[in-house]
Amino acid sequence: MTPLEAALIVIIVALLLFVIYYYWRGAKGDVSLARPMESRVDEYLDRRFELMIEEWSLVSRTKLQSFRQSKDQILGTNEAKVASLKDFSESMEESLKGMEDRLDALEKQAGKK
């Protein structure tokens, strides 16, 4: 075996060990060889999720549910008010259109005389 062949074998073995170390270093579970990067990112996010919520001042699901329950009734009444205001607006538009039509008819009658 020549020194060049021995060096190539050492490099290949080192590369293989590095790849194995990279895939399994610090992995606690679901690292997929089919999707190594995505599974590593998923694992990282799973481990750091609570810290990210605190760091970015996000709201947890339990706090969100309690907020929704406390504000649901208020939101429901506000939505009902908005719906009634929309109906009122549509009826006012119809009334104004009718008045404009009658005004046009009166102007035509006054113009004929």
C-alpha atoms as a PDB file:
ATOM      1  CA  MET A   1       0.000   0.000   0.000  1.00  0.00           C
ATOM      2  CA  THR A   2       1.411   3.315  -1.012  1.00  0.00           C
ATOM      3  CA  PRO A   3       1.318   6.371   1.201  1.00  0.00           C
ATOM      4  CA  LEU A   4      -1.172   8.000  -1.179  1.00  0.00           C
ATOM      5  CA  GLU A   5      -3.603   5.090  -0.827  1.00  0.00           C
ATOM      6  CA  ALA A   6      -3.236   5.140   2.960  1.00  0.00           C
ATOM      7  CA  ALA A   7      -3.916   8.881   3.030  1.00  0.00           C
ATOM      8  CA  LEU A   8      -7.017   8.439   0.881  1.00  0.00           C
ATOM      9  CA  ILE A   9      -8.327   5.678   3.171  1.00  0.00           C
ATOM     10  CA  VAL A  10      -7.723   7.880   6.231  1.00  0.00           C
ATOM     11  CA  ILE A  11      -9.525  10.802   4.569  1.00  0.00           C
ATOM     12  CA  ILE A  12     -12.489   8.619   3.579  1.00  0.00           C
ATOM     13  CA  VAL A  13     -12.733   7.123   7.088  1.00  0.00           C
ATOM     14  CA  ALA A  14     -12.486  10.615   8.634  1.00  0.00           C
ATOM     15  CA  LEU A  15     -15.174  11.899   6.284  1.00  0.00           C
ATOM     16  CA  LEU A  16     -17.410   8.943   7.102  1.00  0.00           C
ATOM     17  CA  LEU A  17     -16.918   9.474  10.846  1.00  0.00           C
ATOM     18  CA  PHE A  18     -17.672  13.174  10.443  1.00  0.00           C
ATOM     19  CA  VAL A  19     -20.933  12.431   8.596  1.00  0.00           C
ATOM     20  CA  ILE A  20     -21.984   9.919  11.259  1.00  0.00           C
ATOM     21  CA  TYR A  21     -21.074  12.375  14.014  1.00  0.00           C
ATOM     22  CA  TYR A  22     -22.970  15.198  12.278  1.00  0.00           C
ATOM     23  CA  TYR A  23     -26.180  13.187  11.950  1.00  0.00           C
ATOM     24  CA  TRP A  24     -26.209  11.832  15.471  1.00  0.00           C
ATOM     25  CA  ARG A  25     -24.487  14.519  17.543  1.00  0.00           C
ATOM     26  CA  GLY A  26     -26.760  15.608  20.323  1.00  0.00           C
ATOM     27  CA  ALA A  27     -29.794  14.037  18.677  1.00  0.00           C
ATOM     28  CA  LYS A  28     -32.453  12.963  21.125  1.00  0.00           C
ATOM     29  CA  GLY A  29     -34.768  11.293  18.711  1.00  0.00           C
ATOM     30  CA  ASP A  30     -36.352  11.766  15.353  1.00  0.00           C
ATOM     31  CA  VAL A  31     -33.453  12.522  13.021  1.00  0.00           C
ATOM     32  CA  SER A  32     -34.386  11.225   9.618  1.00  0.00           C
ATOM     33  CA  LEU A  33     -31.658  10.255   7.192  1.00  0.00           C
ATOM     34  CA  ALA A  34     -34.026  10.990   4.308  1.00  0.00           C
ATOM     35  CA  ARG A  35     -34.467  14.601   5.494  1.00  0.00           C
ATOM     36  CA  PRO A  36     -31.531  15.348   7.786  1.00  0.00           C
ATOM     37  CA  MET A  37     -31.715  19.153   7.781  1.00  0.00           C
ATOM     38  CA  GLU A  38     -35.479  19.409   8.200  1.00  0.00           C
ATOM     39  CA  SER A  39     -35.523  16.883  11.018  1.00  0.00           C
ATOM     40  CA  ARG A  40     -32.641  18.667  12.790  1.00  0.00           C
ATOM     41  CA  VAL A  41     -34.462  22.000  12.513  1.00  0.00           C
ATOM     42  CA  ASP A  42     -37.668  20.408  13.810  1.00  0.00           C
ATOM     43  CA  GLU A  43     -35.778  18.917  16.734  1.00  0.00           C
ATOM     44  CA  TYR A  44     -34.124  22.265  17.500  1.00  0.00           C
ATOM     45  CA  LEU A  45     -37.466  24.074  17.446  1.00  0.00           C
ATOM     46  CA  ASP A  46     -39.028  21.433  19.689  1.00  0.00           C
ATOM     47  CA  ARG A  47     -36.248  21.853  22.243  1.00  0.00           C
ATOM     48  CA  ARG A  48     -36.219  25.663  22.158  1.00  0.00           C
ATOM     49  CA  PHE A  49     -39.959  26.339  21.780  1.00  0.00           C
ATOM     50  CA  GLU A  50     -40.613  27.574  25.310  1.00  0.00           C
ATOM     51  CA  LEU A  51     -37.575  29.880  25.212  1.00  0.00           C
ATOM     52  CA  MET A  52     -38.681  31.334  21.880  1.00  0.00           C
ATOM     53  CA  ILE A  53     -42.155  32.063  23.248  1.00  0.00           C
ATOM     54  CA  GLU A  54     -40.646  33.985  26.151  1.00  0.00           C
ATOM     55  CA  GLU A  55     -38.002  35.724  24.033  1.00  0.00           C
ATOM     56  CA  TRP A  56     -40.413  36.883  21.326  1.00  0.00           C
ATOM     57  CA  SER A  57     -43.183  37.683  23.855  1.00  0.00           C
ATOM     58  CA  LEU A  58     -45.584  35.253  22.240  1.00  0.00           C
ATOM     59  CA  VAL A  59     -48.720  33.874  23.875  1.00  0.00           C
ATOM     60  CA  SER A  60     -49.152  30.242  24.833  1.00  0.00           C
ATOM     61  CA  ARG A  61     -52.233  28.303  23.761  1.00  0.00           C
ATOM     62  CA  THR A  62     -53.716  28.201  27.259  1.00  0.00           C
ATOM     63  CA  LYS A  63     -53.490  31.987  27.613  1.00  0.00           C
ATOM     64  CA  LEU A  64     -54.948  32.398  24.132  1.00  0.00           C
ATOM     65  CA  GLN A  65     -57.883  30.111  24.962  1.00  0.00           C
ATOM     66  CA  SER A  66     -58.635  31.971  28.190  1.00  0.00           C
ATOM     67  CA  PHE A  67     -58.481  35.297  26.322  1.00  0.00           C
ATOM     68  CA  ARG A  68     -60.834  33.997  23.639  1.00  0.00           C
ATOM     69  CA  GLN A  69     -63.304  32.740  26.221  1.00  0.00           C
ATOM     70  CA  SER A  70     -63.300  36.067  28.050  1.00  0.00           C
ATOM     71  CA  LYS A  71     -63.703  38.137  24.875  1.00  0.00           C
ATOM     72  CA  ASP A  72     -66.015  35.902  22.817  1.00  0.00           C
ATOM     73  CA  GLN A  73     -69.212  37.489  24.110  1.00  0.00           C
ATOM     74  CA  ILE A  74     -67.943  41.017  23.503  1.00  0.00           C
ATOM     75  CA  LEU A  75     -66.790  40.104  20.008  1.00  0.00           C
ATOM     76  CA  GLY A  76     -70.158  38.500  19.268  1.00  0.00           C
ATOM     77  CA  THR A  77     -72.086  41.619  20.252  1.00  0.00           C
ATOM     78  CA  ASN A  78     -69.710  43.817  18.252  1.00  0.00           C
ATOM     79  CA  GLU A  79     -70.137  41.611  15.201  1.00  0.00           C
ATOM     80  CA  ALA A  80     -73.913  41.852  15.589  1.00  0.00           C
ATOM     81  CA  LYS A  81     -73.639  45.649  15.776  1.00  0.00           C
ATOM     82  CA  VAL A  82     -71.498  45.735  12.652  1.00  0.00           C
ATOM     83  CA  ALA A  83     -74.020  43.553  10.818  1.00  0.00           C
ATOM     84  CA  SER A  84     -76.913  45.818  11.850  1.00  0.00           C
ATOM     85  CA  LEU A  85     -74.944  48.917  10.792  1.00  0.00           C
ATOM     86  CA  LYS A  86     -74.259  47.309   7.423  1.00  0.00           C
ATOM     87  CA  ASP A  87     -77.974  46.591   6.964  1.00  0.00           C
ATOM     88  CA  PHE A  88     -78.784  50.179   7.963  1.00  0.00           C
ATOM     89  CA  SER A  89     -76.227  51.494   5.465  1.00  0.00           C
ATOM     90  CA  GLU A  90     -77.720  49.415   2.650  1.00  0.00           C
ATOM     91  CA  SER A  91     -81.259  50.570   3.472  1.00  0.00           C
ATOM     92  CA  MET A  92     -80.111  54.201   3.599  1.00  0.00           C
ATOM     93  CA  GLU A  93     -78.452  53.843   0.187  1.00  0.00           C
ATOM     94  CA  GLU A  94     -81.704  52.475  -1.243  1.00  0.00           C
ATOM     95  CA  SER A  95     -83.669  55.328   0.339  1.00  0.00           C
ATOM     96  CA  LEU A  96     -81.262  57.944  -1.026  1.00  0.00           C
ATOM     97  CA  LYS A  97     -81.414  56.416  -4.476  1.00  0.00           C
ATOM     98  CA  GLY A  98     -85.227  56.510  -4.361  1.00  0.00           C
ATOM     99  CA  MET A  99     -85.172  60.151  -3.246  1.00  0.00           C
ATOM    100  CA  GLU A 100     -82.752  61.055  -6.055  1.00  0.00           C
ATOM    101  CA  ASP A 101     -85.036  59.378  -8.590  1.00  0.00           C
ATOM    102  CA  ARG A 102     -88.042  61.331  -7.248  1.00  0.00           C
ATOM    103  CA  LEU A 103     -85.999  64.562  -7.284  1.00  0.00           C
ATOM    104  CA  ASP A 104     -85.019  63.946 -10.896  1.00  0.00           C
ATOM    105  CA  ALA A 105     -88.675  63.341 -11.782  1.00  0.00           C
ATOM    106  CA  LEU A 106     -89.706  66.572 -10.018  1.00  0.00           C
ATOM    107  CA  GLU A 107     -86.961  68.534 -11.799  1.00  0.00           C
ATOM    108  CA  LYS A 108     -88.143  67.181 -15.155  1.00  0.00           C
ATOM    109  CA  GLN A 109     -91.739  68.192 -14.344  1.00  0.00           C
ATOM    110  CA  ALA A 110     -90.640  71.658 -13.221  1.00  0.00           C
ATOM    111  CA  GLY A 111     -88.501  72.046 -16.369  1.00  0.00           C
ATOM    112  CA  LYS A 112     -91.475  71.282 -18.635  1.00  0.00           C
ATOM    113  CA  LYS A 113     -93.585  74.054 -17.159  1.00  0.00           C
END
